[in-house]
Protein backbone atom coordinates (compact mmCIF):
# COMPACT_ATOMS: atom_id res chain seq x y z
CA MET A 1 28.01 -18.31 146.88
CA ARG A 2 30.89 -18.80 148.38
CA SER A 3 33.47 -21.23 145.41
CA ASN A 4 35.05 -24.58 146.41
CA GLY A 5 38.31 -23.95 149.03
CA GLU A 6 37.83 -20.11 148.29
CA LEU A 7 40.20 -17.93 150.54
CA THR A 8 37.82 -15.68 153.11
CA ASP A 9 40.07 -14.10 155.77
CA VAL A 10 43.47 -14.14 156.69
CA PHE A 11 44.27 -13.30 160.61
CA PHE A 12 47.03 -12.02 162.06
CA ASN A 13 48.73 -13.77 165.05
CA LYS A 14 50.43 -11.24 167.17
CA THR A 15 51.01 -14.06 170.22
CA SER A 16 54.92 -13.09 170.48
CA ALA A 17 55.56 -10.82 167.57
CA ASP A 18 58.40 -8.14 168.76
CA PHE A 19 56.51 -4.93 166.66
CA GLY A 20 60.36 -2.91 166.74
CA VAL A 21 61.58 -5.87 164.06
CA TYR A 22 60.57 -6.44 161.19
CA PRO A 23 58.11 -8.04 159.35
CA PHE A 24 56.24 -6.99 162.55
CA SER A 25 57.10 -3.85 162.70
CA LEU A 26 54.66 -2.86 159.59
CA PRO A 27 52.09 -0.85 159.58
CA PHE A 28 49.52 -3.07 158.23
CA PHE A 29 50.80 -6.01 160.98
CA ARG A 30 50.99 -3.68 163.55
CA LYS A 31 47.46 -1.94 162.72
CA MET A 32 45.07 -4.62 161.48
CA ASP A 33 44.15 -7.81 162.89
CA GLY A 34 43.06 -9.19 159.80
CA LEU A 35 42.00 -8.83 156.47
CA GLU A 36 38.56 -10.20 153.96
CA ILE A 37 39.40 -11.37 151.33
CA HIS A 38 37.55 -10.85 148.13
CA PRO A 39 35.81 -13.98 146.02
CA LYS A 40 36.94 -12.67 142.81
CA VAL A 41 40.22 -9.55 143.39
CA THR A 42 41.40 -8.78 146.12
CA TYR A 43 44.21 -5.96 145.18
CA PHE A 44 47.00 -4.71 147.41
CA VAL A 45 48.59 -1.26 146.26
CA GLY A 46 50.72 1.11 147.94
CA GLU A 47 54.30 3.00 147.97
CA ASN A 48 57.46 0.53 148.46
CA GLY A 49 58.13 -1.23 151.77
CA THR A 50 54.61 0.01 153.13
CA GLY A 51 54.39 -4.29 153.14
CA LYS A 52 51.83 -4.90 150.29
CA SER A 53 54.47 -7.87 149.05
CA THR A 54 55.18 -8.43 152.28
CA LEU A 55 51.73 -10.02 152.83
CA LEU A 56 51.36 -11.49 149.92
CA GLU A 57 54.08 -13.28 150.21
CA ALA A 58 53.75 -15.35 153.49
CA ILE A 59 50.00 -16.08 152.26
CA ALA A 60 51.05 -17.69 149.70
CA VAL A 61 54.06 -19.40 151.88
CA SER A 62 51.04 -20.49 154.37
CA LEU A 63 48.97 -21.51 151.66
CA GLY A 64 51.36 -23.79 150.95
CA PHE A 65 52.93 -22.52 148.26
CA ASN A 66 56.73 -22.33 147.62
CA PRO A 67 58.16 -19.05 148.71
CA GLU A 68 60.04 -18.27 145.28
CA GLY A 69 57.16 -19.18 143.11
CA GLY A 70 55.20 -21.39 141.27
CA SER A 71 52.39 -24.27 142.02
CA GLY A 72 51.99 -26.38 145.00
CA ASN A 73 53.83 -28.77 144.19
CA PHE A 74 57.56 -26.61 143.33
CA ASN A 75 59.93 -27.23 146.45
CA PHE A 76 62.79 -25.89 146.29
CA ASN A 77 65.27 -22.79 147.19
CA THR A 78 67.15 -20.47 145.28
CA ARG A 79 67.90 -17.87 148.18
CA ALA A 80 66.00 -18.11 151.01
CA SER A 81 64.56 -14.40 151.63
CA HIS A 82 61.10 -14.84 152.80
CA SER A 83 60.55 -13.53 156.23
CA ILE A 84 58.37 -15.17 159.23
CA LEU A 85 55.24 -13.75 158.90
CA HIS A 86 53.89 -16.45 157.41
CA LYS A 87 53.61 -18.35 160.63
CA HIS A 88 51.94 -15.59 162.05
CA LEU A 89 49.14 -15.54 160.02
CA ARG A 90 45.88 -18.12 159.27
CA THR A 91 44.08 -18.43 156.72
CA SER A 92 40.03 -19.03 156.57
CA ARG A 93 38.86 -20.64 153.62
CA ALA A 94 35.51 -22.51 152.27
CA PRO A 95 34.79 -25.99 152.46
CA GLY A 96 36.07 -28.04 149.57
CA LYS A 97 39.35 -27.72 147.32
CA ARG A 98 40.24 -25.76 144.12
CA ARG A 99 41.39 -27.91 141.24
CA ASP A 100 44.07 -25.20 140.45
CA GLY A 101 46.56 -23.05 142.27
CA TYR A 102 49.90 -20.64 141.38
CA PHE A 103 52.06 -18.27 142.88
CA LEU A 104 53.91 -16.18 140.46
CA ARG A 105 56.24 -13.22 141.79
CA SER A 106 58.16 -11.67 138.93
CA GLU A 107 61.42 -11.22 141.32
CA SER A 108 62.36 -15.30 141.48
CA PHE A 109 60.56 -16.20 138.25
CA PHE A 110 63.40 -16.43 136.66
CA ASN A 111 64.33 -19.42 139.24
CA VAL A 112 61.05 -20.81 138.68
CA ALA A 113 61.29 -21.27 134.81
CA THR A 114 65.16 -23.01 135.69
CA GLU A 115 63.56 -25.39 138.67
CA ILE A 116 61.05 -26.55 135.64
CA GLU A 117 64.22 -27.23 133.37
CA ASN A 118 66.18 -29.19 136.68
CA LEU A 119 62.98 -31.11 137.07
CA ASP A 120 62.33 -31.67 133.36
CA ALA A 121 65.87 -32.87 132.77
CA ASP A 122 65.26 -36.34 134.74
CA PRO A 123 64.56 -38.87 132.19
CA LEU A 124 62.23 -40.39 135.06
CA ALA A 125 60.25 -37.83 135.88
CA GLY A 126 57.38 -38.23 133.99
CA PRO A 127 55.78 -36.02 131.72
CA PRO A 128 57.62 -32.98 130.93
CA ILE A 129 56.55 -30.27 133.69
CA ILE A 130 56.50 -27.38 130.71
CA ASN A 131 53.67 -29.25 128.15
CA SER A 132 51.80 -26.97 131.40
CA TYR A 133 53.48 -23.56 129.63
CA GLY A 134 52.73 -23.97 126.89
CA GLY A 135 55.90 -26.09 125.42
CA LYS A 136 58.41 -24.31 125.14
CA SER A 137 61.22 -23.38 127.09
CA LEU A 138 60.67 -20.29 129.15
CA HIS A 139 63.86 -19.31 128.86
CA GLU A 140 63.35 -19.04 125.29
CA GLN A 141 61.53 -16.67 125.29
CA SER A 142 61.23 -13.03 126.63
CA HIS A 143 60.80 -12.16 130.06
CA GLY A 144 56.63 -11.01 128.86
CA GLU A 145 56.70 -13.85 126.51
CA SER A 146 57.20 -16.04 129.62
CA PHE A 147 55.06 -14.98 131.91
CA TRP A 148 51.57 -14.80 129.39
CA ALA A 149 52.83 -18.55 128.55
CA VAL A 150 51.69 -18.89 131.89
CA PHE A 151 48.35 -16.46 132.17
CA ILE A 152 47.06 -18.56 128.78
CA ASN A 153 48.95 -22.21 129.55
CA ARG A 154 49.03 -23.27 133.18
CA PHE A 155 46.39 -21.31 134.63
CA LYS A 156 43.74 -23.70 134.28
CA GLY A 157 40.51 -22.10 136.13
CA ASN A 158 39.18 -23.11 139.22
CA GLY A 159 41.90 -22.23 140.62
CA LEU A 160 43.70 -19.14 143.34
CA TYR A 161 46.54 -17.15 141.82
CA ILE A 162 48.73 -14.96 143.99
CA LEU A 163 50.75 -12.58 141.74
CA ASP A 164 52.54 -10.36 142.89
CA GLU A 165 53.39 -7.39 139.99
CA PRO A 166 53.08 -9.44 137.62
CA GLU A 167 52.62 -5.93 135.32
CA SER A 168 56.78 -5.95 135.49
CA ALA A 169 56.82 -8.06 132.43
CA LEU A 170 53.56 -7.31 130.66
CA SER A 171 52.88 -3.68 127.82
CA PRO A 172 50.20 -2.07 128.88
CA SER A 173 47.67 -3.99 125.92
CA ARG A 174 49.34 -7.41 127.22
CA GLN A 175 47.75 -6.19 130.80
CA MET A 176 44.55 -5.48 129.16
CA ALA A 177 44.47 -8.90 127.56
CA MET A 178 45.31 -9.91 131.22
CA LEU A 179 42.22 -9.15 132.32
CA TYR A 180 40.20 -10.54 129.93
CA ARG A 181 42.25 -13.38 130.92
CA MET A 182 41.41 -12.39 134.55
CA HIS A 183 37.58 -12.43 133.75
CA ALA A 184 37.44 -15.74 131.68
CA LEU A 185 39.29 -17.63 134.91
CA ILE A 186 37.12 -16.02 137.20
CA SER A 187 33.89 -17.36 135.27
CA ASP A 188 35.49 -20.73 136.11
CA GLY A 189 35.67 -20.25 139.63
CA SER A 190 38.94 -18.61 139.86
CA GLN A 191 40.08 -16.50 142.64
CA PHE A 192 43.07 -14.15 142.67
CA ILE A 193 45.50 -11.82 145.50
CA ILE A 194 47.72 -9.38 143.10
CA ALA A 195 50.01 -6.71 144.19
CA THR A 196 50.20 -4.33 141.81
CA HIS A 197 51.64 -0.93 140.98
CA SER A 198 49.53 -0.64 137.07
CA PRO A 199 45.82 1.21 137.45
CA ILE A 200 45.27 -1.06 134.30
CA LEU A 201 45.45 -4.17 136.10
CA LEU A 202 43.80 -2.41 138.71
CA ALA A 203 40.77 -1.39 137.35
CA TYR A 204 38.55 -5.42 137.53
CA PRO A 205 35.70 -3.77 138.74
CA ASP A 206 34.10 -6.69 141.09
CA SER A 207 36.80 -6.55 143.52
CA LEU A 208 38.52 -5.14 146.32
CA ILE A 209 40.99 -2.89 147.17
CA TYR A 210 43.36 -2.68 150.20
CA GLU A 211 45.52 0.28 149.77
CA PHE A 212 48.93 0.23 152.31
CA ASN A 213 50.47 3.04 153.94
CA ASP A 214 52.31 4.45 157.12
CA ASP A 215 48.76 4.54 158.76
CA GLY A 216 47.66 0.94 157.69
CA VAL A 217 45.82 -0.50 155.75
CA LYS A 218 42.43 0.89 154.02
CA VAL A 219 39.75 -0.31 150.87
CA GLN A 220 39.51 2.46 148.16
CA PRO A 221 36.98 2.37 145.83
CA TYR A 222 39.48 2.36 142.47
CA GLN A 223 39.59 5.80 141.50
CA GLN A 224 40.47 7.18 144.78
CA THR A 225 43.64 5.12 144.87
CA GLU A 226 47.17 7.17 145.32
CA LEU A 227 47.94 5.01 142.38
CA PHE A 228 45.21 6.00 140.04
CA GLN A 229 45.11 9.76 140.86
CA THR A 230 49.27 10.28 140.49
CA TYR A 231 48.56 8.39 136.79
CA GLN A 232 45.39 9.94 136.05
CA ASN A 233 47.44 13.75 136.86
CA PHE A 234 50.04 12.75 135.15
CA LEU A 235 48.19 12.19 131.62
CA GLN A 236 46.12 14.75 131.57
CA ASN A 237 49.38 16.80 131.68
CA PRO A 238 52.84 14.73 131.20
CA VAL A 239 54.64 18.44 130.01
CA ALA A 240 53.53 19.80 133.00
CA VAL A 241 54.54 17.58 135.48
CA VAL A 242 57.93 16.85 133.86
CA ASN A 243 58.64 20.12 133.81
CA LYS A 244 57.41 21.01 137.09
CA LEU A 245 59.65 17.46 138.51
CA LEU A 246 62.93 19.14 136.57
CA ASP A 247 62.85 22.34 137.74
CA SER A 248 62.54 21.31 141.00
């Protein structure tokens, strides 16, 4: 059964798009008409430059999130760097509305933390926003701890959570803990879309994995993704792999 407000599909509007110009030159846009979104977890994986984060950002912006991240109520602009791809997307959602939502991107999380402090500095602005993040300044924690504060405190459940490379701040053990936290939120009606380079975060079983490459996008089983196989090959014989790299 579909959940209220669940994102079901993303369609690409190619009218007036110049395929020789970024972001329309990206293989996924040129070769696909759209993507189905899994009701629980949708993953974007692939090499740098294949467009997975660009598409993730465009989906977030098209749904009303601030390009630099945060909840749907955030509206600030430290540096406008997002593409115009969101103007060429159409999304389809199940009837109803979710209770919560958040766009978390690793590269601009510092800006979100700063905006929270700026908003909380206004004595007339109401209850401090930081209370929703555990009550401690995100700038006064390590990068990993501040990320974890978002997962544990800010994500309330029955939400749509769009995450861009969250593993960049998390240790392997915290990534495994994140899977546990994701499962609890999914059990409470939440939906995730995640761009990642982590084989740990990619392991959630009831999910859809899109692998981006120069040929476009294809659905892949977990163990057949290049990401999984690269890590598997390395860990099976790290000495041999390193020696081969250094000898070359």
